[in-house]
Amino acid sequence: MRIRAAVLHRPGQPLSVEEVELDGPKAGEVLVRVAAAGVCHSDVHLADGALGEGRWPMVLGHEGAGIVEAVGDGVTHVAPGDPVGFSFVPSCRACPACLAGRFNMCAPAGENGARGTLMDGTSRLHLADGTVLQHGLMTACFAEHTVVDAHGAVPLPRELPLWQAALLGCGVMTGFGAVRNVGRVGPGDSVCVIGCGGVGLQVVAAAALAGADPIIAVDRDPAKLEIARRRGATHTVDASREEPLERVREQSGGGVDHAFEVVGRPETMRMAWEVLRPAATAVVVGLAPAGVEVSLPAIDFLSDKGIRGSYYGSGDPAADLPQLAQLAVSGALDLAEVVTHVTGLDGVNDALERLRRGEGARTVLVLDAGLAGAPEPR
């Protein structure tokens, strides 16, 4: 079938919105009509070539939701007409990592995701001249339709608007999982969140739902800090106007129990370490470009401090995504609050530029307004 999609022909170039060919689903795959897609900073890294070598051209987009239109042989958990959210780690459930319960570390998903292929090592996308297009992070949802592996299509409740559900598959999963599965934040724990973009704001919300207090949000954008307040931050620090390290120490009484770095820069990773009290833990959520290194004072390890990484929430997307969707349906989790811009597919390059400039929290691309139920562009 012929569809419109946002194609990255080479890193460093603007995406080209053009017609491409999409083949139907094979066994164990699902064809989805994309309703809406969120624009994540990982898309910027891919577009800029900051994650190392890849295969091009590629259709980007890994955070989205839509309606199933067809399924391949063997797919039984979804059927045509079902709403689904995308997981860009369609865990195989059979590799050593999956068998150990580390579904976000699924080896076949990681290998094929890096190559830009589906789980069988091939693509369903190509140009009219036969040139193969890669699936960005196994999802390729900056497109009117996409084909994903069955485990990458997760059922959603019908009452959740798809323009909001689009955020679940990356930003919400990543932020909530870092708090719940890695930090294991509990009532009364003190938390610092460094970086209040699309993922950092989910970290704030997750910490608030866990009962953390205080929750100190750090960013350079007053508008993002205001959203953080609405999502449960008890204190905010504008790093463009005051020295954040001393301010966080002051507001926390000397240091926090948990610091979440959601920027992906060496200086903010080090700050997450430095705001900890003894025997506390920093969790690095932010994605740094390939080759970036960070140094920490070794003497600090004598204070029982720890540092952990977190990838895609360090949980099970197939189980966690539906739980988060139910939180949104119940009203406990406000998804719309972090959406600062809504646009169509033709606005994808503007959305990427806003992220490069650090403007706004999340842009949602509406691919099908009738399905997405989205507000007017803003």
Protein backbone atom coordinates (compact mmCIF):
# COMPACT_ATOMS: atom_id res chain seq x y z
CA MET A 1 0.00 0.00 0.00
CA ARG A 2 1.11 3.59 -0.59
CA ILE A 3 1.38 5.85 2.45
CA ARG A 4 2.84 9.21 3.47
CA ALA A 5 5.79 9.03 5.83
CA ALA A 6 8.61 11.18 7.21
CA VAL A 7 11.83 9.81 5.74
CA LEU A 8 15.36 10.53 6.94
CA HIS A 9 17.55 10.02 3.87
CA ARG A 10 20.81 10.96 5.61
CA PRO A 11 21.65 12.15 9.13
CA GLY A 12 21.83 15.91 9.40
CA GLN A 13 19.24 16.47 6.68
CA PRO A 14 15.62 17.54 7.25
CA LEU A 15 13.09 14.74 7.11
CA SER A 16 11.25 14.43 3.81
CA VAL A 17 7.49 13.84 3.99
CA GLU A 18 6.79 11.74 0.92
CA GLU A 19 4.90 8.76 -0.44
CA VAL A 20 6.45 5.35 0.25
CA GLU A 21 5.36 1.74 -0.16
CA LEU A 22 4.38 -0.40 2.83
CA ASP A 23 4.02 -4.17 2.47
CA GLY A 24 1.45 -6.10 4.48
CA PRO A 25 2.20 -7.89 7.75
CA LYS A 26 3.91 -11.26 7.77
CA ALA A 27 3.29 -13.95 10.39
CA GLY A 28 3.60 -12.51 13.88
CA GLU A 29 3.16 -8.91 12.70
CA VAL A 30 0.44 -6.24 12.84
CA LEU A 31 -0.60 -3.51 10.40
CA VAL A 32 -1.66 -0.34 12.24
CA ARG A 33 -3.24 2.85 11.00
CA VAL A 34 -1.35 5.48 12.99
CA ALA A 35 -3.57 8.01 14.73
CA ALA A 36 -0.90 10.07 16.49
CA ALA A 37 2.79 10.02 17.32
CA GLY A 38 4.87 11.80 19.93
CA VAL A 39 8.16 13.45 18.98
CA CYS A 40 10.94 12.37 21.34
CA HIS A 41 14.52 13.56 21.77
CA SER A 42 15.67 10.12 20.61
CA ASP A 43 14.24 11.07 17.22
CA VAL A 44 16.52 14.12 17.26
CA HIS A 45 19.53 11.94 18.05
CA LEU A 46 18.65 9.61 15.16
CA ALA A 47 18.06 12.50 12.78
CA ASP A 48 21.39 14.07 13.74
CA GLY A 49 23.34 10.80 13.57
CA ALA A 50 24.30 11.13 17.24
CA LEU A 51 23.66 7.47 18.13
CA GLY A 52 26.42 6.10 15.94
CA GLU A 53 26.21 4.40 12.60
CA GLY A 54 22.82 3.39 11.28
CA ARG A 55 21.21 2.30 8.06
CA TRP A 56 19.52 4.82 5.86
CA PRO A 57 17.09 5.88 4.56
CA MET A 58 14.78 5.41 7.53
CA VAL A 59 11.23 6.28 8.58
CA LEU A 60 11.46 7.76 12.06
CA GLY A 61 8.99 7.69 14.96
CA HIS A 62 8.81 5.26 17.88
CA GLU A 63 6.17 6.72 20.23
CA GLY A 64 2.59 6.45 19.01
CA ALA A 65 -0.81 4.82 18.93
CA GLY A 66 -3.35 3.75 16.35
CA ILE A 67 -5.94 1.23 15.23
CA VAL A 68 -5.18 -2.30 14.04
CA GLU A 69 -6.14 -2.83 10.40
CA ALA A 70 -4.76 -6.34 9.78
CA VAL A 71 -2.81 -9.06 11.56
CA GLY A 72 -0.47 -11.75 10.30
CA ASP A 73 -0.72 -15.45 11.03
CA GLY A 74 -0.41 -16.39 14.66
CA VAL A 75 -1.44 -13.03 16.11
CA THR A 76 -4.26 -13.51 18.61
CA HIS A 77 -3.92 -10.77 21.25
CA VAL A 78 -5.21 -8.00 18.95
CA ALA A 79 -7.66 -7.91 16.04
CA PRO A 80 -8.68 -5.38 13.37
CA GLY A 81 -10.38 -2.42 14.99
CA ASP A 82 -8.47 -2.64 18.28
CA PRO A 83 -6.65 0.44 19.62
CA VAL A 84 -2.96 -0.21 20.32
CA GLY A 85 0.08 1.63 21.58
CA PHE A 86 3.56 0.94 20.24
CA SER A 87 6.43 -0.61 22.17
CA PHE A 88 9.78 -0.15 20.43
CA VAL A 89 11.16 -3.15 22.35
CA PRO A 90 8.90 -6.01 21.16
CA SER A 91 10.40 -8.54 23.56
CA CYS A 92 10.83 -12.03 22.11
CA ARG A 93 10.10 -13.71 25.49
CA ALA A 94 12.67 -16.41 24.68
CA CYS A 95 16.22 -14.94 24.82
CA PRO A 96 18.30 -15.10 28.05
CA ALA A 97 17.37 -11.52 29.00
CA CYS A 98 13.66 -12.14 28.53
CA LEU A 99 13.79 -15.44 30.40
CA ALA A 100 15.45 -13.57 33.27
CA GLY A 101 12.59 -11.05 33.28
CA ARG A 102 14.63 -8.22 31.74
CA PHE A 103 12.29 -7.70 28.83
CA ASN A 104 13.61 -4.22 28.03
CA MET A 105 17.00 -5.84 27.35
CA CYS A 106 15.65 -8.35 24.79
CA ALA A 107 18.64 -9.22 22.60
CA PRO A 108 16.84 -9.80 19.27
CA ALA A 109 14.84 -6.59 19.74
CA GLY A 110 18.02 -4.65 20.49
CA GLU A 111 19.89 -6.06 17.50
CA ASN A 112 17.07 -5.48 15.03
CA GLY A 113 16.25 -2.09 16.49
CA ALA A 114 19.82 -0.99 15.87
CA ARG A 115 19.59 -2.24 12.28
CA GLY A 116 16.20 -0.69 11.63
CA THR A 117 14.50 -3.98 10.81
CA LEU A 118 11.64 -6.00 12.25
CA MET A 119 12.32 -9.12 14.30
CA ASP A 120 12.89 -11.29 11.21
CA GLY A 121 15.68 -8.97 10.06
CA THR A 122 13.78 -7.48 7.13
CA SER A 123 11.78 -4.32 6.37
CA ARG A 124 8.23 -3.75 5.11
CA LEU A 125 9.01 -0.26 3.84
CA HIS A 126 10.51 0.79 0.52
CA LEU A 127 10.54 3.57 -2.02
CA ALA A 128 8.86 3.28 -5.41
CA ASP A 129 12.22 2.39 -7.00
CA GLY A 130 12.66 -0.53 -4.60
CA THR A 131 15.08 1.17 -2.20
CA VAL A 132 14.59 -0.40 1.23
CA LEU A 133 13.57 1.92 4.07
CA GLN A 134 14.51 1.08 7.65
CA HIS A 135 11.99 1.06 10.50
CA GLY A 136 13.07 3.68 13.04
CA LEU A 137 13.42 1.80 16.36
CA MET A 138 11.29 -1.03 14.92
CA THR A 139 8.25 1.25 14.87
CA ALA A 140 8.40 3.86 12.05
CA CYS A 141 5.26 5.65 13.22
CA PHE A 142 5.90 9.02 11.60
CA ALA A 143 3.69 7.56 8.89
CA GLU A 144 0.03 7.06 8.07
CA HIS A 145 0.38 3.29 8.52
CA THR A 146 3.08 1.03 9.89
CA VAL A 147 3.79 -2.66 10.38
CA VAL A 148 5.19 -3.73 13.75
CA ASP A 149 5.99 -7.01 15.42
CA ALA A 150 3.10 -8.45 17.40
CA HIS A 151 4.73 -7.75 20.77
CA GLY A 152 5.18 -4.15 19.64
CA ALA A 153 1.41 -3.61 19.41
CA VAL A 154 0.02 -3.38 22.95
CA PRO A 155 -3.78 -3.29 23.51
CA LEU A 156 -5.22 -0.05 24.91
CA PRO A 157 -8.55 0.80 26.57
CA ARG A 158 -10.96 2.28 24.04
CA GLU A 159 -11.88 5.18 26.30
CA LEU A 160 -8.35 6.66 26.19
CA PRO A 161 -7.98 9.26 23.39
CA LEU A 162 -5.27 8.10 21.01
CA TRP A 163 -3.55 11.49 20.83
CA GLN A 164 -2.85 11.07 24.54
CA ALA A 165 -2.19 7.33 24.38
CA ALA A 166 0.55 8.08 21.84
CA LEU A 167 2.78 9.28 24.70
CA LEU A 168 2.66 6.03 26.64
CA GLY A 169 5.04 4.00 24.49
CA CYS A 170 8.19 5.97 25.24
CA GLY A 171 8.05 9.04 27.48
CA VAL A 172 5.60 7.67 30.03
CA MET A 173 7.02 4.14 30.05
CA THR A 174 10.55 5.48 30.44
CA GLY A 175 9.79 8.01 33.15
CA PHE A 176 7.47 5.91 35.28
CA GLY A 177 9.66 2.82 34.99
CA ALA A 178 12.74 4.71 36.15
CA VAL A 179 10.90 5.72 39.32
CA ARG A 180 9.11 2.45 40.00
CA ASN A 181 11.44 -0.24 38.70
CA VAL A 182 14.88 1.30 39.19
CA GLY A 183 14.63 3.99 41.86
CA ARG A 184 11.86 2.18 43.74
CA VAL A 185 10.77 5.49 45.19
CA GLY A 186 8.50 5.26 48.23
CA PRO A 187 6.40 7.54 50.45
CA GLY A 188 8.42 10.31 52.06
CA ASP A 189 11.50 9.79 49.88
CA SER A 190 13.21 12.95 48.65
CA VAL A 191 13.61 13.23 44.88
CA CYS A 192 15.42 15.55 42.48
CA VAL A 193 14.49 15.50 38.78
CA ILE A 194 17.05 17.15 36.50
CA GLY A 195 15.46 17.98 33.15
CA CYS A 196 11.73 18.58 32.71
CA GLY A 197 11.11 17.65 29.10
CA GLY A 198 8.70 15.00 27.90
CA VAL A 199 10.32 12.24 29.98
CA GLY A 200 11.37 14.27 33.00
CA LEU A 201 7.81 15.47 33.55
CA GLN A 202 6.72 11.84 33.69
CA VAL A 203 9.39 11.19 36.32
CA VAL A 204 7.91 14.03 38.37
CA ALA A 205 4.39 12.60 38.06
CA ALA A 206 5.55 9.10 38.97
CA ALA A 207 7.41 10.37 42.04
CA ALA A 208 4.32 12.29 43.14
CA LEU A 209 2.10 9.22 42.76
CA ALA A 210 4.66 7.25 44.81
CA GLY A 211 4.27 9.73 47.67
CA ALA A 212 7.74 11.29 47.44
CA ASP A 213 8.32 14.54 49.34
CA PRO A 214 10.06 16.80 48.57
CA ILE A 215 10.17 16.58 44.78
CA ILE A 216 12.62 19.13 43.39
CA ALA A 217 12.42 19.81 39.64
CA VAL A 218 15.37 21.45 37.87
CA ASP A 219 15.26 22.99 34.39
CA ARG A 220 16.21 26.14 32.51
CA ASP A 221 12.71 26.79 31.13
CA PRO A 222 10.19 28.45 33.48
CA ALA A 223 7.28 27.10 31.41
CA LYS A 224 8.44 23.52 31.92
CA LEU A 225 8.93 24.15 35.62
CA GLU A 226 5.35 25.37 35.84
CA ILE A 227 4.15 22.10 34.29
CA ALA A 228 6.35 20.25 36.78
CA ARG A 229 4.59 22.08 39.62
CA ARG A 230 1.23 20.99 38.27
CA ARG A 231 2.48 17.39 38.06
CA GLY A 232 3.53 17.28 41.69
CA ALA A 233 6.89 19.02 42.14
CA THR A 234 7.04 20.65 45.57
CA HIS A 235 10.03 22.83 44.66
CA THR A 236 11.48 24.10 41.38
CA VAL A 237 14.92 25.39 40.48
CA ASP A 238 15.44 27.58 37.41
CA ALA A 239 19.00 26.65 36.44
CA SER A 240 19.21 29.65 34.12
CA ARG A 241 18.92 32.02 37.09
CA GLU A 242 20.40 30.25 40.12
CA GLU A 243 23.08 27.73 40.96
CA PRO A 244 21.13 24.46 40.98
CA LEU A 245 23.43 22.26 43.06
CA GLU A 246 23.42 24.43 46.16
CA ARG A 247 19.74 25.22 45.75
CA VAL A 248 18.78 21.53 45.67
CA ARG A 249 20.92 20.79 48.70
CA GLU A 250 19.27 23.68 50.53
CA GLN A 251 15.74 22.58 49.63
CA SER A 252 16.39 18.94 50.54
CA GLY A 253 18.22 19.51 53.80
CA GLY A 254 21.61 18.42 52.49
CA GLY A 255 20.85 15.95 49.72
CA VAL A 256 18.16 13.73 48.22
CA ASP A 257 17.40 10.02 48.38
CA HIS A 258 16.95 9.73 44.61
CA ALA A 259 18.21 11.90 41.76
CA PHE A 260 16.95 11.31 38.22
CA GLU A 261 19.01 12.70 35.35
CA VAL A 262 16.77 13.18 32.30
CA VAL A 263 18.95 15.33 30.05
CA GLY A 264 21.75 13.14 28.75
CA ARG A 265 24.73 15.43 29.38
CA PRO A 266 27.87 14.75 31.45
CA GLU A 267 27.42 17.86 33.58
CA THR A 268 23.86 16.95 34.56
CA MET A 269 24.83 13.34 35.24
CA ARG A 270 27.52 14.60 37.59
CA MET A 271 25.03 16.96 39.21
CA ALA A 272 22.68 14.02 39.85
CA TRP A 273 25.54 12.37 41.71
CA GLU A 274 26.45 15.48 43.67
CA VAL A 275 22.94 16.23 44.97
CA LEU A 276 22.72 12.81 46.67
CA ARG A 277 22.91 12.34 50.40
CA PRO A 278 25.04 9.37 51.61
CA ALA A 279 23.65 5.92 50.72
CA ALA A 280 21.41 7.41 48.02
CA THR A 281 21.09 6.57 44.33
CA ALA A 282 21.27 8.47 41.06
CA VAL A 283 19.36 7.08 38.08
CA VAL A 284 20.50 8.14 34.61
CA VAL A 285 17.55 8.21 32.23
CA GLY A 286 18.77 10.78 29.70
CA LEU A 287 20.15 9.50 26.40
CA ALA A 288 23.63 10.84 25.64
CA PRO A 289 25.15 10.82 22.14
CA ALA A 290 27.53 7.96 21.34
CA GLY A 291 31.05 8.53 22.69
CA VAL A 292 30.07 10.80 25.58
CA GLU A 293 31.81 9.97 28.88
CA VAL A 294 31.21 11.13 32.43
CA SER A 295 33.64 11.22 35.37
CA LEU A 296 32.80 11.03 39.06
CA PRO A 297 34.97 11.53 42.17
CA ALA A 298 35.88 8.01 43.30
CA ILE A 299 36.10 9.04 46.95
CA ASP A 300 32.32 9.51 46.95
CA PHE A 301 31.78 5.76 46.68
CA LEU A 302 32.85 5.57 50.32
CA SER A 303 29.57 7.34 51.09
CA ASP A 304 27.60 4.31 49.88
CA LYS A 305 26.25 6.27 46.95
CA GLY A 306 25.11 4.37 43.88
CA ILE A 307 24.40 5.16 40.24
CA ARG A 308 22.14 3.18 37.93
CA GLY A 309 21.14 3.34 34.31
CA SER A 310 17.57 2.92 33.15
CA TYR A 311 16.51 1.97 29.63
CA TYR A 312 12.87 2.12 28.61
CA GLY A 313 11.75 2.00 32.21
CA SER A 314 13.61 -1.25 32.96
CA GLY A 315 10.36 -3.21 32.99
CA ASP A 316 8.01 -5.21 30.78
CA PRO A 317 6.33 -3.03 28.13
CA ALA A 318 3.61 -5.62 27.52
CA ALA A 319 2.52 -5.40 31.17
CA ASP A 320 3.50 -1.85 32.12
CA LEU A 321 1.97 0.03 29.19
CA PRO A 322 -1.60 -1.21 29.85
CA GLN A 323 -1.23 -0.39 33.56
CA LEU A 324 -0.17 3.16 32.72
CA ALA A 325 -3.07 3.47 30.28
CA GLN A 326 -5.47 2.55 33.09
CA LEU A 327 -3.87 5.20 35.31
CA ALA A 328 -4.65 7.75 32.61
CA VAL A 329 -8.23 6.51 32.21
CA SER A 330 -8.76 6.75 35.98
CA GLY A 331 -7.61 10.37 36.00
CA ALA A 332 -4.60 9.69 38.21
CA LEU A 333 -2.22 10.43 35.31
CA ASP A 334 -2.77 13.51 33.14
CA LEU A 335 -1.26 12.85 29.71
CA ALA A 336 -2.57 15.98 27.99
CA GLU A 337 -0.77 18.26 30.44
CA VAL A 338 2.68 17.68 28.90
CA VAL A 339 1.57 18.26 25.29
CA THR A 340 2.69 21.76 24.38
CA HIS A 341 2.32 21.49 20.58
CA VAL A 342 -0.03 19.61 18.25
CA THR A 343 0.63 19.50 14.51
CA GLY A 344 0.34 17.32 11.43
CA LEU A 345 2.98 15.15 9.80
CA ASP A 346 4.21 18.10 7.73
CA GLY A 347 5.23 19.82 10.97
CA VAL A 348 7.72 17.12 11.95
CA ASN A 349 10.85 19.14 11.18
CA ASP A 350 9.58 22.11 13.19
CA ALA A 351 8.94 19.70 16.08
CA LEU A 352 12.51 18.39 15.90
CA GLU A 353 13.87 21.94 15.82
CA ARG A 354 11.91 22.84 18.94
CA LEU A 355 13.51 19.92 20.75
CA ARG A 356 16.96 21.01 19.60
CA ARG A 357 16.27 24.45 21.05
CA GLY A 358 14.87 22.99 24.26
CA GLU A 359 11.43 24.51 23.67
CA GLY A 360 8.23 22.87 24.87
CA ALA A 361 7.69 19.49 26.50
CA ARG A 362 6.04 17.21 23.92
CA THR A 363 4.80 17.67 20.37
CA VAL A 364 2.13 15.29 19.10
CA LEU A 365 1.89 14.66 15.37
CA VAL A 366 -1.71 13.93 14.39
CA LEU A 367 -1.75 11.48 11.47
CA ASP A 368 -5.50 10.84 11.51
CA ALA A 369 -7.58 13.51 13.26
CA GLY A 370 -10.72 11.37 13.21
CA LEU A 371 -9.02 8.54 15.07
CA ALA A 372 -6.80 10.63 17.33
CA GLY A 373 -9.52 12.85 18.79
CA ALA A 374 -6.89 15.55 19.18
CA PRO A 375 -7.38 19.26 19.87
CA GLU A 376 -6.72 21.88 17.24
CA PRO A 377 -3.06 22.42 16.24
CA ARG A 378 -1.17 24.61 18.69
